[in-house]
Amino acid sequence: MPEYKLIVSDPKTGKSEVKELKGAEASIFTGLKIGDTVDLSSIGVKGKVKVTGGSDKAGFPMRADVLGGVKRRVLLTKGVGYQTGSEGEKRRKLVRGNTITEEIYQVNGVLVQ
């Protein structure tokens, strides 16, 4: 059974809301990708939420450009999962793919109208 921590940000007020999802509530997110929109009125969130990212149980971040729900070592120069050191530096980092699976622990989203 999937279990997620959903963090929904409201861009108008600048505040975030945290919800613990278990069982049937959490199964709504299984299989979604970064950028997908889902209606969450059934679990008490007004409006639609756009999935913007997340992380797995070990803390590895999700990246939109890595396909699937697997962990991959990718060569990064900037973006999610990488903090730049010096100019021109590249590093191979372990990140999670863009699909939400049961290994995902935290799902981030933005409220859209």
PDB file of N, CA and C in Angstrom:
ATOM      1  N   MET A   1       0.835  -1.178   0.000  1.00  0.00           N
ATOM      2  CA  MET A   1       0.000   0.000   0.000  1.00  0.00           C
ATOM      3  C   MET A   1       0.884   1.247   0.000  1.00  0.00           C
ATOM      4  N   PRO A   2       0.639   2.137  -0.946  1.00  0.00           N
ATOM      5  CA  PRO A   2       1.457   3.356  -0.999  1.00  0.00           C
ATOM      6  C   PRO A   2       1.128   4.298   0.161  1.00  0.00           C
ATOM      7  N   GLU A   3       2.133   5.055   0.544  1.00  0.00           N
ATOM      8  CA  GLU A   3       1.997   6.018   1.628  1.00  0.00           C
ATOM      9  C   GLU A   3       2.823   7.242   1.257  1.00  0.00           C
ATOM     10  N   TYR A   4       2.180   8.399   1.130  1.00  0.00           N
ATOM     11  CA  TYR A   4       2.861   9.604   0.687  1.00  0.00           C
ATOM     12  C   TYR A   4       2.635  10.743   1.669  1.00  0.00           C
ATOM     13  N   LYS A   5       3.579  11.669   1.669  1.00  0.00           N
ATOM     14  CA  LYS A   5       3.414  12.941   2.358  1.00  0.00           C
ATOM     15  C   LYS A   5       3.241  13.968   1.245  1.00  0.00           C
ATOM     16  N   LEU A   6       2.059  14.572   1.161  1.00  0.00           N
ATOM     17  CA  LEU A   6       1.732  15.536   0.111  1.00  0.00           C
ATOM     18  C   LEU A   6       1.930  16.948   0.641  1.00  0.00           C
ATOM     19  N   ILE A   7       2.709  17.742  -0.074  1.00  0.00           N
ATOM     20  CA  ILE A   7       2.929  19.136   0.288  1.00  0.00           C
ATOM     21  C   ILE A   7       2.371  19.995  -0.837  1.00  0.00           C
ATOM     22  N   VAL A   8       1.299  20.728  -0.519  1.00  0.00           N
ATOM     23  CA  VAL A   8       0.614  21.554  -1.508  1.00  0.00           C
ATOM     24  C   VAL A   8       0.912  23.016  -1.210  1.00  0.00           C
ATOM     25  N   SER A   9       1.458  23.732  -2.192  1.00  0.00           N
ATOM     26  CA  SER A   9       1.770  25.151  -2.057  1.00  0.00           C
ATOM     27  C   SER A   9       0.688  25.975  -2.729  1.00  0.00           C
ATOM     28  N   ASP A  10       0.322  27.073  -2.086  1.00  0.00           N
ATOM     29  CA  ASP A  10      -0.623  28.016  -2.670  1.00  0.00           C
ATOM     30  C   ASP A  10       0.160  29.240  -3.121  1.00  0.00           C
ATOM     31  N   PRO A  11       0.293  29.478  -4.438  1.00  0.00           N
ATOM     32  CA  PRO A  11       1.112  30.601  -4.901  1.00  0.00           C
ATOM     33  C   PRO A  11       0.528  31.965  -4.550  1.00  0.00           C
ATOM     34  N   LYS A  12      -0.777  32.056  -4.312  1.00  0.00           N
ATOM     35  CA  LYS A  12      -1.388  33.347  -3.984  1.00  0.00           C
ATOM     36  C   LYS A  12      -1.013  33.797  -2.571  1.00  0.00           C
ATOM     37  N   THR A  13      -1.082  32.876  -1.618  1.00  0.00           N
ATOM     38  CA  THR A  13      -0.805  33.237  -0.228  1.00  0.00           C
ATOM     39  C   THR A  13       0.651  32.979   0.152  1.00  0.00           C
ATOM     40  N   GLY A  14       1.340  32.108  -0.585  1.00  0.00           N
ATOM     41  CA  GLY A  14       2.723  31.777  -0.270  1.00  0.00           C
ATOM     42  C   GLY A  14       2.852  30.759   0.854  1.00  0.00           C
ATOM     43  N   LYS A  15       1.766  30.095   1.218  1.00  0.00           N
ATOM     44  CA  LYS A  15       1.792  29.122   2.308  1.00  0.00           C
ATOM     45  C   LYS A  15       1.672  27.696   1.756  1.00  0.00           C
ATOM     46  N   SER A  16       2.178  26.758   2.543  1.00  0.00           N
ATOM     47  CA  SER A  16       2.125  25.344   2.164  1.00  0.00           C
ATOM     48  C   SER A  16       1.311  24.571   3.183  1.00  0.00           C
ATOM     49  N   GLU A  17       0.725  23.463   2.711  1.00  0.00           N
ATOM     50  CA  GLU A  17      -0.092  22.607   3.561  1.00  0.00           C
ATOM     51  C   GLU A  17       0.403  21.180   3.395  1.00  0.00           C
ATOM     52  N   VAL A  18       0.544  20.455   4.511  1.00  0.00           N
ATOM     53  CA  VAL A  18       1.041  19.087   4.481  1.00  0.00           C
ATOM     54  C   VAL A  18      -0.103  18.126   4.790  1.00  0.00           C
ATOM     55  N   LYS A  19      -0.219  17.066   3.983  1.00  0.00           N
ATOM     56  CA  LYS A  19      -1.240  16.027   4.195  1.00  0.00           C
ATOM     57  C   LYS A  19      -0.563  14.670   4.143  1.00  0.00           C
ATOM     58  N   GLU A  20      -0.926  13.796   5.064  1.00  0.00           N
ATOM     59  CA  GLU A  20      -0.464  12.409   5.061  1.00  0.00           C
ATOM     60  C   GLU A  20      -1.495  11.585   4.302  1.00  0.00           C
ATOM     61  N   LEU A  21      -1.072  10.888   3.257  1.00  0.00           N
ATOM     62  CA  LEU A  21      -1.980  10.083   2.442  1.00  0.00           C
ATOM     63  C   LEU A  21      -1.629   8.610   2.584  1.00  0.00           C
ATOM     64  N   LYS A  22      -2.653   7.786   2.833  1.00  0.00           N
ATOM     65  CA  LYS A  22      -2.452   6.342   2.964  1.00  0.00           C
ATOM     66  C   LYS A  22      -3.554   5.614   2.215  1.00  0.00           C
ATOM     67  N   GLY A  23      -3.250   4.439   1.745  1.00  0.00           N
ATOM     68  CA  GLY A  23      -4.244   3.560   1.130  1.00  0.00           C
ATOM     69  C   GLY A  23      -4.850   4.117  -0.134  1.00  0.00           C
ATOM     70  N   ALA A  24      -6.195   4.199  -0.144  1.00  0.00           N
ATOM     71  CA  ALA A  24      -6.929   4.622  -1.340  1.00  0.00           C
ATOM     72  C   ALA A  24      -6.647   6.077  -1.694  1.00  0.00           C
ATOM     73  N   GLU A  25      -6.445   6.925  -0.686  1.00  0.00           N
ATOM     74  CA  GLU A  25      -6.122   8.330  -0.964  1.00  0.00           C
ATOM     75  C   GLU A  25      -4.785   8.443  -1.692  1.00  0.00           C
ATOM     76  N   ALA A  26      -3.822   7.632  -1.294  1.00  0.00           N
ATOM     77  CA  ALA A  26      -2.490   7.692  -1.893  1.00  0.00           C
ATOM     78  C   ALA A  26      -2.466   7.073  -3.286  1.00  0.00           C
ATOM     79  N   SER A  27      -3.353   6.143  -3.559  1.00  0.00           N
ATOM     80  CA  SER A  27      -3.336   5.477  -4.863  1.00  0.00           C
ATOM     81  C   SER A  27      -3.701   6.423  -6.007  1.00  0.00           C
ATOM     82  N   ILE A  28      -4.263   7.600  -5.684  1.00  0.00           N
ATOM     83  CA  ILE A  28      -4.564   8.603  -6.713  1.00  0.00           C
ATOM     84  C   ILE A  28      -3.275   9.047  -7.403  1.00  0.00           C
ATOM     85  N   PHE A  29      -2.165   9.123  -6.644  1.00  0.00           N
ATOM     86  CA  PHE A  29      -0.910   9.635  -7.174  1.00  0.00           C
ATOM     87  C   PHE A  29      -0.048   8.588  -7.863  1.00  0.00           C
ATOM     88  N   THR A  30      -0.249   7.321  -7.588  1.00  0.00           N
ATOM     89  CA  THR A  30       0.587   6.283  -8.170  1.00  0.00           C
ATOM     90  C   THR A  30       0.448   6.281  -9.691  1.00  0.00           C
ATOM     91  N   GLY A  31       1.568   6.407 -10.383  1.00  0.00           N
ATOM     92  CA  GLY A  31       1.588   6.417 -11.838  1.00  0.00           C
ATOM     93  C   GLY A  31       1.601   7.798 -12.461  1.00  0.00           C
ATOM     94  N   LEU A  32       1.374   8.846 -11.672  1.00  0.00           N
ATOM     95  CA  LEU A  32       1.421  10.205 -12.216  1.00  0.00           C
ATOM     96  C   LEU A  32       2.865  10.624 -12.469  1.00  0.00           C
ATOM     97  N   LYS A  33       3.049  11.585 -13.357  1.00  0.00           N
ATOM     98  CA  LYS A  33       4.376  12.108 -13.672  1.00  0.00           C
ATOM     99  C   LYS A  33       4.458  13.570 -13.260  1.00  0.00           C
ATOM    100  N   ILE A  34       5.673  14.077 -13.198  1.00  0.00           N
ATOM    101  CA  ILE A  34       5.877  15.491 -12.895  1.00  0.00           C
ATOM    102  C   ILE A  34       5.240  16.317 -14.007  1.00  0.00           C
ATOM    103  N   GLY A  35       4.415  17.275 -13.635  1.00  0.00           N
ATOM    104  CA  GLY A  35       3.702  18.109 -14.603  1.00  0.00           C
ATOM    105  C   GLY A  35       2.245  17.731 -14.768  1.00  0.00           C
ATOM    106  N   ASP A  36       1.829  16.541 -14.295  1.00  0.00           N
ATOM    107  CA  ASP A  36       0.437  16.120 -14.388  1.00  0.00           C
ATOM    108  C   ASP A  36      -0.412  16.880 -13.366  1.00  0.00           C
ATOM    109  N   THR A  37      -1.700  17.067 -13.695  1.00  0.00           N
ATOM    110  CA  THR A  37      -2.637  17.754 -12.818  1.00  0.00           C
ATOM    111  C   THR A  37      -3.689  16.765 -12.350  1.00  0.00           C
ATOM    112  N   VAL A  38      -4.043  16.840 -11.055  1.00  0.00           N
ATOM    113  CA  VAL A  38      -5.022  15.926 -10.485  1.00  0.00           C
ATOM    114  C   VAL A  38      -5.972  16.716  -9.581  1.00  0.00           C
ATOM    115  N   ASP A  39      -7.259  16.320  -9.590  1.00  0.00           N
ATOM    116  CA  ASP A  39      -8.266  16.957  -8.748  1.00  0.00           C
ATOM    117  C   ASP A  39      -8.278  16.261  -7.394  1.00  0.00           C
ATOM    118  N   LEU A  40      -8.099  17.009  -6.314  1.00  0.00           N
ATOM    119  CA  LEU A  40      -8.002  16.430  -4.973  1.00  0.00           C
ATOM    120  C   LEU A  40      -9.173  16.808  -4.078  1.00  0.00           C
ATOM    121  N   SER A  41     -10.319  17.093  -4.660  1.00  0.00           N
ATOM    122  CA  SER A  41     -11.479  17.452  -3.841  1.00  0.00           C
ATOM    123  C   SER A  41     -11.954  16.281  -2.983  1.00  0.00           C
ATOM    124  N   SER A  42     -11.613  15.047  -3.366  1.00  0.00           N
ATOM    125  CA  SER A  42     -12.039  13.876  -2.591  1.00  0.00           C
ATOM    126  C   SER A  42     -11.273  13.719  -1.283  1.00  0.00           C
ATOM    127  N   ILE A  43     -10.094  14.350  -1.162  1.00  0.00           N
ATOM    128  CA  ILE A  43      -9.321  14.223   0.075  1.00  0.00           C
ATOM    129  C   ILE A  43      -9.267  15.530   0.856  1.00  0.00           C
ATOM    130  N   GLY A  44     -10.068  16.514   0.481  1.00  0.00           N
ATOM    131  CA  GLY A  44     -10.180  17.730   1.267  1.00  0.00           C
ATOM    132  C   GLY A  44      -9.358  18.909   0.803  1.00  0.00           C
ATOM    133  N   VAL A  45      -8.766  18.847  -0.380  1.00  0.00           N
ATOM    134  CA  VAL A  45      -8.016  19.982  -0.919  1.00  0.00           C
ATOM    135  C   VAL A  45      -8.865  20.599  -2.016  1.00  0.00           C
ATOM    136  N   LYS A  46      -9.154  21.894  -1.889  1.00  0.00           N
ATOM    137  CA  LYS A  46      -9.992  22.556  -2.882  1.00  0.00           C
ATOM    138  C   LYS A  46      -9.165  22.884  -4.113  1.00  0.00           C
ATOM    139  N   GLY A  47      -9.692  22.542  -5.285  1.00  0.00           N
ATOM    140  CA  GLY A  47      -9.010  22.852  -6.540  1.00  0.00           C
ATOM    141  C   GLY A  47      -8.176  21.691  -7.050  1.00  0.00           C
ATOM    142  N   LYS A  48      -7.401  21.995  -8.080  1.00  0.00           N
ATOM    143  CA  LYS A  48      -6.537  20.999  -8.703  1.00  0.00           C
ATOM    144  C   LYS A  48      -5.095  21.259  -8.306  1.00  0.00           C
ATOM    145  N   VAL A  49      -4.314  20.185  -8.275  1.00  0.00           N
ATOM    146  CA  VAL A  49      -2.913  20.272  -7.880  1.00  0.00           C
ATOM    147  C   VAL A  49      -2.048  19.774  -9.026  1.00  0.00           C
ATOM    148  N   LYS A  50      -1.018  20.546  -9.355  1.00  0.00           N
ATOM    149  CA  LYS A  50      -0.046  20.151 -10.371  1.00  0.00           C
ATOM    150  C   LYS A  50       1.174  19.580  -9.652  1.00  0.00           C
ATOM    151  N   VAL A  51       1.586  18.370 -10.023  1.00  0.00           N
ATOM    152  CA  VAL A  51       2.738  17.716  -9.403  1.00  0.00           C
ATOM    153  C   VAL A  51       4.009  18.390  -9.909  1.00  0.00           C
ATOM    154  N   THR A  52       4.835  18.874  -8.966  1.00  0.00           N
ATOM    155  CA  THR A  52       6.057  19.584  -9.340  1.00  0.00           C
ATOM    156  C   THR A  52       7.323  18.826  -8.982  1.00  0.00           C
ATOM    157  N   GLY A  53       7.215  17.745  -8.222  1.00  0.00           N
ATOM    158  CA  GLY A  53       8.412  16.991  -7.856  1.00  0.00           C
ATOM    159  C   GLY A  53       8.165  16.131  -6.635  1.00  0.00           C
ATOM    160  N   GLY A  54       9.265  15.750  -5.984  1.00  0.00           N
ATOM    161  CA  GLY A  54       9.183  14.919  -4.796  1.00  0.00           C
ATOM    162  C   GLY A  54      10.513  14.258  -4.520  1.00  0.00           C
ATOM    163  N   SER A  55      10.498  13.343  -3.566  1.00  0.00           N
ATOM    164  CA  SER A  55      11.710  12.597  -3.239  1.00  0.00           C
ATOM    165  C   SER A  55      11.324  11.219  -2.728  1.00  0.00           C
ATOM    166  N   ASP A  56      12.292  10.291  -2.777  1.00  0.00           N
ATOM    167  CA  ASP A  56      12.001   8.935  -2.324  1.00  0.00           C
ATOM    168  C   ASP A  56      12.357   8.785  -0.851  1.00  0.00           C
ATOM    169  N   LYS A  57      12.251   7.562  -0.338  1.00  0.00           N
ATOM    170  CA  LYS A  57      12.441   7.305   1.084  1.00  0.00           C
ATOM    171  C   LYS A  57      13.868   7.564   1.545  1.00  0.00           C
ATOM    172  N   ALA A  58      14.831   7.490   0.637  1.00  0.00           N
ATOM    173  CA  ALA A  58      16.230   7.741   0.978  1.00  0.00           C
ATOM    174  C   ALA A  58      16.622   9.195   0.762  1.00  0.00           C
ATOM    175  N   GLY A  59      15.712  10.013   0.223  1.00  0.00           N
ATOM    176  CA  GLY A  59      15.983  11.429   0.036  1.00  0.00           C
ATOM    177  C   GLY A  59      16.446  11.820  -1.351  1.00  0.00           C
ATOM    178  N   PHE A  60      16.472  10.888  -2.302  1.00  0.00           N
ATOM    179  CA  PHE A  60      16.887  11.225  -3.662  1.00  0.00           C
ATOM    180  C   PHE A  60      15.758  11.978  -4.367  1.00  0.00           C
ATOM    181  N   PRO A  61      16.047  13.122  -4.993  1.00  0.00           N
ATOM    182  CA  PRO A  61      14.999  13.936  -5.607  1.00  0.00           C
ATOM    183  C   PRO A  61      14.536  13.370  -6.943  1.00  0.00           C
ATOM    184  N   MET A  62      13.303  13.717  -7.312  1.00  0.00           N
ATOM    185  CA  MET A  62      12.764  13.357  -8.619  1.00  0.00           C
ATOM    186  C   MET A  62      13.183  14.431  -9.620  1.00  0.00           C
ATOM    187  N   ARG A  63      13.518  13.989 -10.838  1.00  0.00           N
ATOM    188  CA  ARG A  63      13.846  14.916 -11.927  1.00  0.00           C
ATOM    189  C   ARG A  63      12.903  14.672 -13.092  1.00  0.00           C
ATOM    190  N   ALA A  64      12.469  15.750 -13.708  1.00  0.00           N
ATOM    191  CA  ALA A  64      11.513  15.661 -14.809  1.00  0.00           C
ATOM    192  C   ALA A  64      12.118  15.079 -16.071  1.00  0.00           C
ATOM    193  N   ASP A  65      13.438  15.186 -16.250  1.00  0.00           N
ATOM    194  CA  ASP A  65      14.059  14.711 -17.487  1.00  0.00           C
ATOM    195  C   ASP A  65      14.535  13.270 -17.416  1.00  0.00           C
ATOM    196  N   VAL A  66      14.341  12.575 -16.295  1.00  0.00           N
ATOM    197  CA  VAL A  66      14.687  11.156 -16.168  1.00  0.00           C
ATOM    198  C   VAL A  66      13.385  10.363 -16.251  1.00  0.00           C
ATOM    199  N   LEU A  67      13.244   9.539 -17.276  1.00  0.00           N
ATOM    200  CA  LEU A  67      11.990   8.828 -17.516  1.00  0.00           C
ATOM    201  C   LEU A  67      11.827   7.627 -16.603  1.00  0.00           C
ATOM    202  N   GLY A  68      10.588   7.358 -16.212  1.00  0.00           N
ATOM    203  CA  GLY A  68      10.270   6.195 -15.401  1.00  0.00           C
ATOM    204  C   GLY A  68      10.334   6.485 -13.909  1.00  0.00           C
ATOM    205  N   GLY A  69      10.231   5.421 -13.122  1.00  0.00           N
ATOM    206  CA  GLY A  69      10.253   5.556 -11.677  1.00  0.00           C
ATOM    207  C   GLY A  69      11.483   4.958 -11.053  1.00  0.00           C
ATOM    208  N   VAL A  70      12.557   4.861 -11.811  1.00  0.00           N
ATOM    209  CA  VAL A  70      13.774   4.193 -11.348  1.00  0.00           C
ATOM    210  C   VAL A  70      14.810   5.209 -10.881  1.00  0.00           C
ATOM    211  N   LYS A  71      15.817   4.708 -10.165  1.00  0.00           N
ATOM    212  CA  LYS A  71      16.952   5.546  -9.791  1.00  0.00           C
ATOM    213  C   LYS A  71      18.005   5.418 -10.877  1.00  0.00           C
ATOM    214  N   ARG A  72      18.575   6.552 -11.271  1.00  0.00           N
ATOM    215  CA  ARG A  72      19.601   6.557 -12.301  1.00  0.00           C
ATOM    216  C   ARG A  72      20.719   7.493 -11.899  1.00  0.00           C
ATOM    217  N   ARG A  73      21.917   7.175 -12.346  1.00  0.00           N
ATOM    218  CA  ARG A  73      23.048   8.082 -12.195  1.00  0.00           C
ATOM    219  C   ARG A  73      23.136   8.883 -13.478  1.00  0.00           C
ATOM    220  N   VAL A  74      22.932  10.185 -13.367  1.00  0.00           N
ATOM    221  CA  VAL A  74      22.957  11.051 -14.540  1.00  0.00           C
ATOM    222  C   VAL A  74      24.015  12.134 -14.356  1.00  0.00           C
ATOM    223  N   LEU A  75      24.566  12.596 -15.473  1.00  0.00           N
ATOM    224  CA  LEU A  75      25.576  13.641 -15.468  1.00  0.00           C
ATOM    225  C   LEU A  75      24.877  14.994 -15.420  1.00  0.00           C
ATOM    226  N   LEU A  76      25.111  15.751 -14.341  1.00  0.00           N
ATOM    227  CA  LEU A  76      24.405  17.013 -14.134  1.00  0.00           C
ATOM    228  C   LEU A  76      25.368  18.193 -14.125  1.00  0.00           C
ATOM    229  N   THR A  77      24.879  19.317 -14.653  1.00  0.00           N
ATOM    230  CA  THR A  77      25.623  20.566 -14.575  1.00  0.00           C
ATOM    231  C   THR A  77      24.859  21.608 -13.777  1.00  0.00           C
ATOM    232  N   LYS A  78      23.528  21.459 -13.683  1.00  0.00           N
ATOM    233  CA  LYS A  78      22.683  22.364 -12.909  1.00  0.00           C
ATOM    234  C   LYS A  78      21.325  21.706 -12.714  1.00  0.00           C
ATOM    235  N   GLY A  79      20.478  22.313 -11.876  1.00  0.00           N
ATOM    236  CA  GLY A  79      19.119  21.857 -11.707  1.00  0.00           C
ATOM    237  C   GLY A  79      18.886  21.077 -10.428  1.00  0.00           C
ATOM    238  N   VAL A  80      17.787  20.355 -10.409  1.00  0.00           N
ATOM    239  CA  VAL A  80      17.354  19.601  -9.235  1.00  0.00           C
ATOM    240  C   VAL A  80      18.347  18.491  -8.927  1.00  0.00           C
ATOM    241  N   GLY A  81      18.770  18.416  -7.672  1.00  0.00           N
ATOM    242  CA  GLY A  81      19.672  17.359  -7.243  1.00  0.00           C
ATOM    243  C   GLY A  81      21.138  17.690  -7.368  1.00  0.00           C
ATOM    244  N   TYR A  82      21.457  18.933  -7.732  1.00  0.00           N
ATOM    245  CA  TYR A  82      22.862  19.302  -7.908  1.00  0.00           C
ATOM    246  C   TYR A  82      23.084  20.734  -7.465  1.00  0.00           C
ATOM    247  N   GLN A  83      24.098  20.936  -6.626  1.00  0.00           N
ATOM    248  CA  GLN A  83      24.503  22.278  -6.223  1.00  0.00           C
ATOM    249  C   GLN A  83      25.843  22.562  -6.885  1.00  0.00           C
ATOM    250  N   THR A  84      25.902  23.631  -7.656  1.00  0.00           N
ATOM    251  CA  THR A  84      27.106  23.928  -8.426  1.00  0.00           C
ATOM    252  C   THR A  84      28.275  24.290  -7.527  1.00  0.00           C
ATOM    253  N   GLY A  85      29.436  23.830  -7.912  1.00  0.00           N
ATOM    254  CA  GLY A  85      30.660  24.175  -7.215  1.00  0.00           C
ATOM    255  C   GLY A  85      31.343  25.303  -7.956  1.00  0.00           C
ATOM    256  N   SER A  86      32.090  24.960  -8.976  1.00  0.00           N
ATOM    257  CA  SER A  86      32.750  25.976  -9.794  1.00  0.00           C
ATOM    258  C   SER A  86      32.156  25.951 -11.201  1.00  0.00           C
ATOM    259  N   GLU A  87      32.425  26.968 -11.965  1.00  0.00           N
ATOM    260  CA  GLU A  87      31.858  27.082 -13.302  1.00  0.00           C
ATOM    261  C   GLU A  87      32.409  25.985 -14.208  1.00  0.00           C
ATOM    262  N   GLY A  88      31.517  25.321 -14.939  1.00  0.00           N
ATOM    263  CA  GLY A  88      31.924  24.268 -15.858  1.00  0.00           C
ATOM    264  C   GLY A  88      32.022  22.892 -15.229  1.00  0.00           C
ATOM    265  N   GLU A  89      31.766  22.780 -13.942  1.00  0.00           N
ATOM    266  CA  GLU A  89      31.877  21.493 -13.254  1.00  0.00           C
ATOM    267  C   GLU A  89      30.662  20.617 -13.551  1.00  0.00           C
ATOM    268  N   LYS A  90      30.921  19.332 -13.769  1.00  0.00           N
ATOM    269  CA  LYS A  90      29.860  18.351 -13.997  1.00  0.00           C
ATOM    270  C   LYS A  90      30.046  17.223 -13.002  1.00  0.00           C
ATOM    271  N   ARG A  91      28.946  16.655 -12.539  1.00  0.00           N
ATOM    272  CA  ARG A  91      29.000  15.533 -11.605  1.00  0.00           C
ATOM    273  C   ARG A  91      27.945  14.499 -11.968  1.00  0.00           C
ATOM    274  N   ARG A  92      28.271  13.258 -11.702  1.00  0.00           N
ATOM    275  CA  ARG A  92      27.309  12.185 -11.886  1.00  0.00           C
ATOM    276  C   ARG A  92      26.605  11.978 -10.553  1.00  0.00           C
ATOM    277  N   LYS A  93      25.289  12.193 -10.527  1.00  0.00           N
ATOM    278  CA  LYS A  93      24.516  12.119  -9.296  1.00  0.00           C
ATOM    279  C   LYS A  93      23.393  11.102  -9.450  1.00  0.00           C
ATOM    280  N   LEU A  94      22.988  10.511  -8.340  1.00  0.00           N
ATOM    281  CA  LEU A  94      21.896   9.550  -8.310  1.00  0.00           C
ATOM    282  C   LEU A  94      20.586  10.287  -8.051  1.00  0.00           C
ATOM    283  N   VAL A  95      19.642  10.179  -8.989  1.00  0.00           N
ATOM    284  CA  VAL A  95      18.341  10.835  -8.874  1.00  0.00           C
ATOM    285  C   VAL A  95      17.244   9.832  -9.224  1.00  0.00           C
ATOM    286  N   ARG A  96      16.026  10.173  -8.871  1.00  0.00           N
ATOM    287  CA  ARG A  96      14.849   9.340  -9.130  1.00  0.00           C
ATOM    288  C   ARG A  96      14.153   9.860 -10.385  1.00  0.00           C
ATOM    289  N   GLY A  97      13.453   8.999 -11.096  1.00  0.00           N
ATOM    290  CA  GLY A  97      12.759   9.369 -12.328  1.00  0.00           C
ATOM    291  C   GLY A  97      11.520  10.210 -12.081  1.00  0.00           C
ATOM    292  N   ASN A  98      10.802  10.554 -13.150  1.00  0.00           N
ATOM    293  CA  ASN A  98       9.688  11.492 -13.067  1.00  0.00           C
ATOM    294  C   ASN A  98       8.339  10.855 -12.750  1.00  0.00           C
ATOM    295  N   THR A  99       8.264   9.540 -12.569  1.00  0.00           N
ATOM    296  CA  THR A  99       7.011   8.854 -12.304  1.00  0.00           C
ATOM    297  C   THR A  99       6.896   8.503 -10.820  1.00  0.00           C
ATOM    298  N   ILE A 100       5.721   8.727 -10.252  1.00  0.00           N
ATOM    299  CA  ILE A 100       5.490   8.435  -8.836  1.00  0.00           C
ATOM    300  C   ILE A 100       5.219   6.946  -8.680  1.00  0.00           C
ATOM    301  N   THR A 101       6.048   6.284  -7.870  1.00  0.00           N
ATOM    302  CA  THR A 101       5.883   4.860  -7.565  1.00  0.00           C
ATOM    303  C   THR A 101       5.731   4.691  -6.063  1.00  0.00           C
ATOM    304  N   GLU A 102       5.700   3.449  -5.593  1.00  0.00           N
ATOM    305  CA  GLU A 102       5.552   3.191  -4.162  1.00  0.00           C
ATOM    306  C   GLU A 102       6.803   3.540  -3.376  1.00  0.00           C
ATOM    307  N   GLU A 103       7.955   3.711  -4.046  1.00  0.00           N
ATOM    308  CA  GLU A 103       9.188   4.076  -3.351  1.00  0.00           C
ATOM    309  C   GLU A 103       9.242   5.564  -3.015  1.00  0.00           C
ATOM    310  N   ILE A 104       8.359   6.357  -3.614  1.00  0.00           N
ATOM    311  CA  ILE A 104       8.329   7.800  -3.356  1.00  0.00           C
ATOM    312  C   ILE A 104       7.731   8.039  -1.974  1.00  0.00           C
ATOM    313  N   TYR A 105       8.360   8.967  -1.235  1.00  0.00           N
ATOM    314  CA  TYR A 105       7.892   9.289   0.119  1.00  0.00           C
ATOM    315  C   TYR A 105       7.172  10.640   0.154  1.00  0.00           C
ATOM    316  N   GLN A 106       7.717  11.627  -0.539  1.00  0.00           N
ATOM    317  CA  GLN A 106       7.167  12.981  -0.500  1.00  0.00           C
ATOM    318  C   GLN A 106       6.809  13.427  -1.903  1.00  0.00           C
ATOM    319  N   VAL A 107       5.607  13.991  -2.055  1.00  0.00           N
ATOM    320  CA  VAL A 107       5.133  14.510  -3.335  1.00  0.00           C
ATOM    321  C   VAL A 107       4.871  16.003  -3.155  1.00  0.00           C
ATOM    322  N   ASN A 108       5.488  16.812  -4.006  1.00  0.00           N
ATOM    323  CA  ASN A 108       5.298  18.261  -3.963  1.00  0.00           C
ATOM    324  C   ASN A 108       4.331  18.676  -5.060  1.00  0.00           C
ATOM    325  N   GLY A 109       3.480  19.653  -4.750  1.00  0.00           N
ATOM    326  CA  GLY A 109       2.526  20.128  -5.731  1.00  0.00           C
ATOM    327  C   GLY A 109       2.181  21.591  -5.539  1.00  0.00           C
ATOM    328  N   VAL A 110       1.646  22.198  -6.608  1.00  0.00           N
ATOM    329  CA  VAL A 110       1.210  23.598  -6.578  1.00  0.00           C
ATOM    330  C   VAL A 110      -0.271  23.629  -6.895  1.00  0.00           C
ATOM    331  N   LEU A 111      -1.000  24.430  -6.141  1.00  0.00           N
ATOM    332  CA  LEU A 111      -2.430  24.581  -6.345  1.00  0.00           C
ATOM    333  C   LEU A 111      -2.670  25.424  -7.591  1.00  0.00           C
ATOM    334  N   VAL A 112      -3.472  24.903  -8.530  1.00  0.00           N
ATOM    335  CA  VAL A 112      -3.841  25.630  -9.747  1.00  0.00           C
ATOM    336  C   VAL A 112      -5.350  25.770  -9.786  1.00  0.00           C
ATOM    337  N   GLN A 113      -5.820  26.846 -10.369  1.00  0.00           N
ATOM    338  CA  GLN A 113      -7.275  27.084 -10.411  1.00  0.00           C
ATOM    339  C   GLN A 113      -7.835  26.665 -11.753  1.00  0.00           C
TER     340      GLN A 113
END
